[in-house]
């Protein structure tokens, strides 16, 4: 399993895991309709644990789901320099069980599907505005 970093055309960075990062790149391009600009990945025995650790580390800069407002270099450096080891919950200090991991994978899958749908809608709306020669309105009250 690999942990990967992908940068999109808007300089947003996605940190995720995949058995095949190149295929994941193609899937994100086709599903979300985004132009992706760069990627890096590293094979890890504890890829899911490393991903969770990275998400926690960058949580203050989270945009939505697995997307973050950080630089591509910052994310790549983080995933490549952190030790490959199991992630322990701070509340229990015990390794996660297979059952808990399966629950988290199902939840992550649901979040990814919702995230992909939201990105598709955002992109569709942006294209509609641009087709009319307009810029979309900016909602300053909306949490990003």
N, C-alpha and C. Protein backbone atom coordinates (compact mmCIF):
# COMPACT_ATOMS: atom_id res chain seq x y z
N UNK A 1 0.85 -1.17 0.00
CA UNK A 1 0.00 0.00 0.00
C UNK A 1 0.90 1.24 0.00
N UNK A 2 0.43 2.29 -0.66
CA UNK A 2 1.17 3.54 -0.77
C UNK A 2 0.41 4.67 -0.09
N UNK A 3 1.14 5.61 0.46
CA UNK A 3 0.56 6.89 0.85
C UNK A 3 1.01 7.87 -0.23
N UNK A 4 0.07 8.70 -0.69
CA UNK A 4 0.40 9.61 -1.79
C UNK A 4 -0.03 11.03 -1.48
N UNK A 5 0.56 11.94 -2.23
CA UNK A 5 0.20 13.36 -2.19
C UNK A 5 -0.09 13.77 -3.62
N UNK A 6 -1.21 14.44 -3.81
CA UNK A 6 -1.59 14.94 -5.13
C UNK A 6 -1.90 16.42 -5.01
N UNK A 7 -1.42 17.19 -5.97
CA UNK A 7 -1.72 18.63 -6.02
C UNK A 7 -2.64 18.87 -7.21
N UNK A 8 -3.70 19.67 -7.00
CA UNK A 8 -4.59 19.97 -8.11
C UNK A 8 -4.27 21.34 -8.71
N UNK A 9 -5.02 21.70 -9.74
CA UNK A 9 -4.76 22.94 -10.46
C UNK A 9 -4.94 24.19 -9.60
N UNK A 10 -5.63 24.06 -8.46
CA UNK A 10 -5.86 25.19 -7.57
C UNK A 10 -4.88 25.20 -6.40
N UNK A 11 -3.83 24.36 -6.49
CA UNK A 11 -2.78 24.24 -5.48
C UNK A 11 -3.29 23.62 -4.17
N UNK A 12 -4.44 22.92 -4.23
CA UNK A 12 -4.91 22.18 -3.07
C UNK A 12 -4.18 20.83 -3.07
N UNK A 13 -3.96 20.30 -1.89
CA UNK A 13 -3.18 19.07 -1.76
C UNK A 13 -4.04 17.99 -1.11
N UNK A 14 -4.02 16.82 -1.71
CA UNK A 14 -4.75 15.66 -1.19
C UNK A 14 -3.75 14.64 -0.68
N UNK A 15 -3.99 14.15 0.54
CA UNK A 15 -3.15 13.10 1.12
C UNK A 15 -4.04 11.87 1.27
N UNK A 16 -3.65 10.78 0.61
CA UNK A 16 -4.47 9.58 0.66
C UNK A 16 -3.62 8.33 0.57
N UNK A 17 -4.31 7.18 0.49
CA UNK A 17 -3.63 5.91 0.35
C UNK A 17 -4.23 5.15 -0.83
N UNK A 18 -3.43 4.29 -1.43
CA UNK A 18 -3.90 3.50 -2.56
C UNK A 18 -2.93 2.35 -2.80
N UNK A 19 -3.48 1.27 -3.35
CA UNK A 19 -2.62 0.18 -3.79
C UNK A 19 -1.92 0.55 -5.09
N UNK A 20 -2.57 1.47 -5.85
CA UNK A 20 -2.05 1.87 -7.15
C UNK A 20 -2.21 3.39 -7.30
N UNK A 21 -1.21 4.16 -6.86
CA UNK A 21 -1.32 5.62 -6.91
C UNK A 21 -1.55 6.19 -8.32
N UNK A 22 -0.96 5.57 -9.34
CA UNK A 22 -1.16 6.07 -10.71
C UNK A 22 -2.61 5.93 -11.13
N UNK A 23 -3.23 4.80 -10.78
CA UNK A 23 -4.64 4.60 -11.10
C UNK A 23 -5.51 5.55 -10.30
N UNK A 24 -5.14 5.81 -9.04
CA UNK A 24 -5.90 6.74 -8.20
C UNK A 24 -5.86 8.13 -8.83
N UNK A 25 -4.70 8.54 -9.35
CA UNK A 25 -4.55 9.83 -10.04
C UNK A 25 -5.57 9.91 -11.18
N UNK A 26 -5.60 8.86 -12.01
CA UNK A 26 -6.54 8.85 -13.14
C UNK A 26 -7.99 8.89 -12.67
N UNK A 27 -8.29 8.15 -11.60
CA UNK A 27 -9.65 8.13 -11.07
C UNK A 27 -10.10 9.50 -10.59
N UNK A 28 -9.22 10.19 -9.87
CA UNK A 28 -9.57 11.52 -9.36
C UNK A 28 -9.78 12.48 -10.53
N UNK A 29 -8.92 12.41 -11.53
CA UNK A 29 -9.07 13.27 -12.71
C UNK A 29 -10.43 13.04 -13.38
N UNK A 30 -10.79 11.78 -13.58
CA UNK A 30 -12.02 11.50 -14.31
C UNK A 30 -13.26 11.70 -13.44
N UNK A 31 -13.21 11.33 -12.15
CA UNK A 31 -14.38 11.45 -11.29
C UNK A 31 -14.68 12.89 -10.91
N UNK A 32 -13.66 13.63 -10.56
CA UNK A 32 -13.88 15.00 -10.09
C UNK A 32 -13.70 16.02 -11.19
N UNK A 33 -13.15 15.61 -12.32
CA UNK A 33 -12.93 16.54 -13.42
C UNK A 33 -11.87 17.58 -13.12
N UNK A 34 -10.94 17.24 -12.25
CA UNK A 34 -9.89 18.18 -11.88
C UNK A 34 -8.64 17.94 -12.71
N UNK A 35 -7.91 19.00 -12.93
CA UNK A 35 -6.58 18.86 -13.53
C UNK A 35 -5.60 18.74 -12.38
N UNK A 36 -4.91 17.62 -12.32
CA UNK A 36 -3.92 17.41 -11.27
C UNK A 36 -2.55 17.74 -11.82
N UNK A 37 -1.73 18.38 -11.01
CA UNK A 37 -0.46 18.89 -11.52
C UNK A 37 0.76 18.08 -11.08
N UNK A 38 0.75 17.57 -9.86
CA UNK A 38 1.92 16.83 -9.36
C UNK A 38 1.48 15.75 -8.39
N UNK A 39 2.32 14.72 -8.28
CA UNK A 39 2.07 13.67 -7.30
C UNK A 39 3.39 13.11 -6.79
N UNK A 40 3.35 12.62 -5.58
CA UNK A 40 4.46 11.85 -5.04
C UNK A 40 3.85 10.75 -4.17
N UNK A 41 4.54 9.64 -4.05
CA UNK A 41 4.03 8.55 -3.23
C UNK A 41 5.19 7.75 -2.67
N UNK A 42 4.88 7.02 -1.61
CA UNK A 42 5.90 6.17 -1.00
C UNK A 42 5.20 4.93 -0.45
N UNK A 43 5.82 3.79 -0.72
CA UNK A 43 5.26 2.52 -0.24
C UNK A 43 5.51 2.42 1.26
N UNK A 44 4.45 2.09 1.99
CA UNK A 44 4.53 1.99 3.44
C UNK A 44 3.78 0.75 3.93
N UNK A 45 4.38 0.06 4.88
CA UNK A 45 3.70 -1.09 5.49
C UNK A 45 2.46 -0.64 6.24
N UNK A 46 2.55 0.50 6.91
CA UNK A 46 1.44 1.04 7.68
C UNK A 46 0.89 2.30 7.00
N UNK A 47 0.53 2.17 5.73
CA UNK A 47 0.09 3.33 4.95
C UNK A 47 -1.13 4.01 5.57
N UNK A 48 -2.11 3.24 6.00
CA UNK A 48 -3.31 3.84 6.60
C UNK A 48 -2.94 4.60 7.87
N UNK A 49 -2.06 4.02 8.68
CA UNK A 49 -1.61 4.70 9.90
C UNK A 49 -0.87 5.99 9.57
N UNK A 50 -0.02 5.93 8.55
CA UNK A 50 0.72 7.12 8.13
C UNK A 50 -0.22 8.20 7.60
N UNK A 51 -1.24 7.78 6.86
CA UNK A 51 -2.23 8.73 6.35
C UNK A 51 -2.97 9.40 7.51
N UNK A 52 -3.40 8.63 8.47
CA UNK A 52 -4.12 9.18 9.63
C UNK A 52 -3.24 10.17 10.38
N UNK A 53 -1.98 9.82 10.53
CA UNK A 53 -1.04 10.70 11.23
C UNK A 53 -0.86 12.01 10.46
N UNK A 54 -0.74 11.91 9.14
CA UNK A 54 -0.58 13.12 8.30
C UNK A 54 -1.84 13.99 8.37
N UNK A 55 -3.01 13.36 8.30
CA UNK A 55 -4.26 14.12 8.38
C UNK A 55 -4.36 14.83 9.73
N UNK A 56 -3.96 14.15 10.79
CA UNK A 56 -3.99 14.77 12.11
C UNK A 56 -2.99 15.93 12.18
N UNK A 57 -1.80 15.71 11.63
CA UNK A 57 -0.76 16.74 11.65
C UNK A 57 -1.21 18.02 10.93
N UNK A 58 -1.90 17.87 9.79
CA UNK A 58 -2.32 19.01 8.99
C UNK A 58 -3.78 19.40 9.21
N UNK A 59 -4.40 18.90 10.26
CA UNK A 59 -5.84 19.10 10.46
C UNK A 59 -6.25 20.58 10.54
N UNK A 60 -5.37 21.43 11.02
CA UNK A 60 -5.72 22.86 11.11
C UNK A 60 -5.80 23.52 9.74
N UNK A 61 -5.28 22.84 8.71
CA UNK A 61 -5.31 23.39 7.35
C UNK A 61 -6.17 22.55 6.42
N UNK A 62 -7.07 21.76 7.01
CA UNK A 62 -7.94 20.90 6.22
C UNK A 62 -9.00 21.74 5.51
N UNK A 63 -9.19 21.47 4.22
CA UNK A 63 -10.22 22.15 3.44
C UNK A 63 -11.51 21.34 3.49
N UNK A 64 -11.40 20.09 3.05
CA UNK A 64 -12.54 19.17 3.04
C UNK A 64 -12.00 17.76 2.87
N UNK A 65 -12.47 16.83 3.69
CA UNK A 65 -12.04 15.44 3.55
C UNK A 65 -10.53 15.30 3.62
N UNK A 66 -9.93 14.81 2.54
CA UNK A 66 -8.49 14.58 2.48
C UNK A 66 -7.74 15.72 1.81
N UNK A 67 -8.41 16.84 1.55
CA UNK A 67 -7.79 17.98 0.87
C UNK A 67 -7.35 19.02 1.89
N UNK A 68 -6.14 19.56 1.67
CA UNK A 68 -5.53 20.49 2.62
C UNK A 68 -4.98 21.72 1.91
N UNK A 69 -4.92 22.82 2.64
CA UNK A 69 -4.34 24.06 2.15
C UNK A 69 -2.90 24.14 2.65
N UNK A 70 -2.06 23.28 2.08
CA UNK A 70 -0.64 23.22 2.40
C UNK A 70 0.12 23.11 1.08
N UNK A 71 1.42 23.31 1.13
CA UNK A 71 2.18 23.19 -0.11
C UNK A 71 2.43 21.72 -0.43
N UNK A 72 2.60 21.46 -1.70
CA UNK A 72 2.91 20.11 -2.16
C UNK A 72 4.20 19.62 -1.51
N UNK A 73 5.20 20.49 -1.46
CA UNK A 73 6.50 20.13 -0.88
C UNK A 73 6.37 19.79 0.61
N UNK A 74 5.57 20.57 1.32
CA UNK A 74 5.37 20.34 2.75
C UNK A 74 4.76 18.95 2.99
N UNK A 75 3.75 18.60 2.19
CA UNK A 75 3.10 17.30 2.35
C UNK A 75 4.03 16.16 1.97
N UNK A 76 4.73 16.29 0.85
CA UNK A 76 5.66 15.23 0.41
C UNK A 76 6.77 15.02 1.42
N UNK A 77 7.32 16.10 1.92
CA UNK A 77 8.38 16.00 2.91
C UNK A 77 7.86 15.28 4.16
N UNK A 78 6.64 15.60 4.57
CA UNK A 78 6.09 14.97 5.77
C UNK A 78 5.93 13.46 5.58
N UNK A 79 5.32 13.04 4.47
CA UNK A 79 5.08 11.60 4.31
C UNK A 79 6.37 10.81 4.09
N UNK A 80 7.38 11.46 3.53
CA UNK A 80 8.64 10.75 3.25
C UNK A 80 9.57 10.69 4.45
N UNK A 81 9.41 11.59 5.41
CA UNK A 81 10.34 11.62 6.54
C UNK A 81 9.79 11.01 7.82
N UNK A 82 8.50 10.77 7.90
CA UNK A 82 7.94 10.20 9.13
C UNK A 82 8.17 8.70 9.17
N UNK A 83 8.42 8.21 10.37
CA UNK A 83 8.67 6.78 10.57
C UNK A 83 7.42 5.98 10.21
N UNK A 84 7.62 4.84 9.57
CA UNK A 84 6.53 3.94 9.17
C UNK A 84 6.21 3.03 10.36
N UNK A 85 5.18 3.41 11.12
CA UNK A 85 4.83 2.62 12.30
C UNK A 85 3.32 2.72 12.54
N UNK A 86 2.79 1.80 13.35
CA UNK A 86 1.35 1.84 13.63
C UNK A 86 0.96 3.14 14.34
N UNK A 87 -0.26 3.56 14.08
CA UNK A 87 -0.81 4.76 14.70
C UNK A 87 -1.56 4.34 15.96
N UNK A 88 -1.26 4.96 17.08
CA UNK A 88 -1.94 4.64 18.32
C UNK A 88 -2.89 5.77 18.69
N UNK A 89 -4.07 5.38 19.08
CA UNK A 89 -5.06 6.37 19.51
C UNK A 89 -4.58 7.00 20.81
N UNK A 90 -4.67 8.30 20.92
CA UNK A 90 -4.23 8.99 22.13
C UNK A 90 -5.09 8.59 23.33
N UNK A 91 -6.37 8.30 23.08
CA UNK A 91 -7.28 8.00 24.19
C UNK A 91 -7.04 6.61 24.78
N UNK A 92 -6.59 5.66 23.97
CA UNK A 92 -6.41 4.29 24.47
C UNK A 92 -4.96 3.86 24.52
N UNK A 93 -4.11 4.48 23.74
CA UNK A 93 -2.70 4.09 23.61
C UNK A 93 -2.53 2.62 23.24
N UNK A 94 -3.53 2.08 22.54
CA UNK A 94 -3.46 0.70 22.07
C UNK A 94 -3.57 0.70 20.55
N UNK A 95 -2.97 -0.33 19.91
CA UNK A 95 -3.11 -0.40 18.46
C UNK A 95 -4.56 -0.56 18.06
N UNK A 96 -4.91 -0.04 16.90
CA UNK A 96 -6.26 -0.20 16.39
C UNK A 96 -6.49 -1.65 15.97
N UNK A 97 -7.72 -2.13 16.16
CA UNK A 97 -8.05 -3.50 15.77
C UNK A 97 -8.43 -3.54 14.30
N UNK A 98 -8.43 -4.75 13.73
CA UNK A 98 -8.85 -4.93 12.34
C UNK A 98 -10.28 -4.44 12.16
N UNK A 99 -11.15 -4.74 13.11
CA UNK A 99 -12.55 -4.29 13.04
C UNK A 99 -12.66 -2.78 12.99
N UNK A 100 -11.89 -2.11 13.85
CA UNK A 100 -11.90 -0.64 13.85
C UNK A 100 -11.35 -0.08 12.55
N UNK A 101 -10.30 -0.72 12.04
CA UNK A 101 -9.74 -0.27 10.77
C UNK A 101 -10.75 -0.44 9.64
N UNK A 102 -11.46 -1.56 9.63
CA UNK A 102 -12.49 -1.77 8.61
C UNK A 102 -13.59 -0.73 8.71
N UNK A 103 -13.99 -0.38 9.94
CA UNK A 103 -14.99 0.68 10.14
C UNK A 103 -14.48 1.99 9.57
N UNK A 104 -13.21 2.29 9.85
CA UNK A 104 -12.63 3.55 9.38
C UNK A 104 -12.51 3.57 7.86
N UNK A 105 -12.19 2.43 7.27
CA UNK A 105 -12.10 2.36 5.81
C UNK A 105 -13.47 2.59 5.19
N UNK A 106 -14.51 1.99 5.75
CA UNK A 106 -15.87 2.21 5.24
C UNK A 106 -16.27 3.67 5.37
N UNK A 107 -15.95 4.26 6.52
CA UNK A 107 -16.27 5.68 6.73
C UNK A 107 -15.49 6.54 5.75
N UNK A 108 -14.21 6.22 5.55
CA UNK A 108 -13.38 6.98 4.62
C UNK A 108 -13.92 6.86 3.20
N UNK A 109 -14.37 5.66 2.83
CA UNK A 109 -14.94 5.45 1.50
C UNK A 109 -16.18 6.33 1.32
N UNK A 110 -17.02 6.39 2.33
CA UNK A 110 -18.22 7.23 2.28
C UNK A 110 -17.84 8.71 2.14
N UNK A 111 -16.86 9.13 2.93
CA UNK A 111 -16.41 10.53 2.87
C UNK A 111 -15.84 10.85 1.49
N UNK A 112 -15.04 9.92 0.94
CA UNK A 112 -14.46 10.14 -0.39
C UNK A 112 -15.53 10.26 -1.46
N UNK A 113 -16.56 9.43 -1.38
CA UNK A 113 -17.65 9.51 -2.36
C UNK A 113 -18.36 10.85 -2.24
N UNK A 114 -18.63 11.28 -1.01
CA UNK A 114 -19.28 12.58 -0.80
C UNK A 114 -18.38 13.72 -1.28
N UNK A 115 -17.09 13.59 -0.98
CA UNK A 115 -16.13 14.61 -1.40
C UNK A 115 -16.05 14.71 -2.92
N UNK A 116 -16.01 13.56 -3.60
CA UNK A 116 -15.96 13.55 -5.06
C UNK A 116 -17.22 14.19 -5.63
N UNK A 117 -18.37 13.89 -5.05
CA UNK A 117 -19.62 14.46 -5.52
C UNK A 117 -19.64 15.98 -5.31
N UNK A 118 -19.16 16.41 -4.14
CA UNK A 118 -19.11 17.85 -3.86
C UNK A 118 -18.16 18.56 -4.83
N UNK A 119 -17.01 17.95 -5.11
CA UNK A 119 -16.06 18.56 -6.05
C UNK A 119 -16.65 18.63 -7.46
N UNK A 120 -17.37 17.59 -7.86
CA UNK A 120 -18.04 17.60 -9.17
C UNK A 120 -19.04 18.75 -9.25
N UNK A 121 -19.83 18.91 -8.18
CA UNK A 121 -20.82 19.99 -8.15
C UNK A 121 -20.15 21.35 -8.18
N UNK A 122 -19.08 21.52 -7.40
CA UNK A 122 -18.35 22.79 -7.39
C UNK A 122 -17.81 23.12 -8.79
N UNK A 123 -17.22 22.12 -9.42
CA UNK A 123 -16.64 22.31 -10.75
C UNK A 123 -17.73 22.62 -11.78
N UNK A 124 -18.85 21.90 -11.69
CA UNK A 124 -19.97 22.15 -12.61
C UNK A 124 -20.47 23.59 -12.45
N UNK A 125 -20.66 24.02 -11.20
CA UNK A 125 -21.13 25.38 -10.95
C UNK A 125 -20.14 26.42 -11.46
N UNK A 126 -18.86 26.17 -11.26
CA UNK A 126 -17.84 27.10 -11.74
C UNK A 126 -17.87 27.19 -13.26
N UNK A 127 -18.00 26.04 -13.93
CA UNK A 127 -18.07 26.04 -15.39
C UNK A 127 -19.31 26.78 -15.89
N UNK A 128 -20.42 26.65 -15.18
CA UNK A 128 -21.65 27.35 -15.57
C UNK A 128 -21.44 28.87 -15.51
N UNK A 129 -20.83 29.34 -14.42
CA UNK A 129 -20.55 30.77 -14.30
C UNK A 129 -19.61 31.24 -15.39
N UNK A 130 -18.54 30.48 -15.61
CA UNK A 130 -17.56 30.88 -16.61
C UNK A 130 -18.14 30.87 -18.02
N UNK A 131 -19.05 29.94 -18.30
CA UNK A 131 -19.70 29.88 -19.61
C UNK A 131 -20.52 31.14 -19.86
N UNK A 132 -21.01 31.74 -18.78
CA UNK A 132 -21.79 32.97 -18.90
C UNK A 132 -20.88 34.21 -18.85
N UNK A 133 -19.57 33.97 -18.76
CA UNK A 133 -18.62 35.09 -18.71
C UNK A 133 -18.60 35.78 -17.37
N UNK A 134 -19.01 35.07 -16.32
CA UNK A 134 -19.06 35.65 -14.98
C UNK A 134 -18.17 34.87 -14.03
N UNK A 135 -17.83 35.53 -12.94
CA UNK A 135 -17.13 34.85 -11.84
C UNK A 135 -18.18 34.47 -10.80
N UNK A 136 -18.00 33.36 -10.13
CA UNK A 136 -18.98 32.97 -9.12
C UNK A 136 -18.94 33.93 -7.93
N UNK A 137 -20.09 34.10 -7.26
CA UNK A 137 -20.10 34.97 -6.07
C UNK A 137 -19.26 34.36 -4.96
N UNK A 138 -18.71 35.21 -4.14
CA UNK A 138 -17.90 34.76 -3.01
C UNK A 138 -18.74 34.91 -1.75
N UNK A 139 -18.87 33.81 -1.01
CA UNK A 139 -19.61 33.82 0.25
C UNK A 139 -18.60 33.89 1.37
N UNK A 140 -18.44 35.06 1.97
CA UNK A 140 -17.44 35.26 3.01
C UNK A 140 -17.86 34.64 4.34
N UNK A 141 -19.15 34.28 4.47
CA UNK A 141 -19.64 33.69 5.71
C UNK A 141 -19.46 32.19 5.74
N UNK A 142 -19.17 31.59 4.60
CA UNK A 142 -19.08 30.13 4.50
C UNK A 142 -17.78 29.63 5.10
N UNK A 143 -17.88 28.57 5.89
CA UNK A 143 -16.67 27.92 6.44
C UNK A 143 -16.01 27.16 5.33
N UNK A 144 -14.70 27.30 5.22
CA UNK A 144 -13.94 26.60 4.20
C UNK A 144 -13.17 25.48 4.84
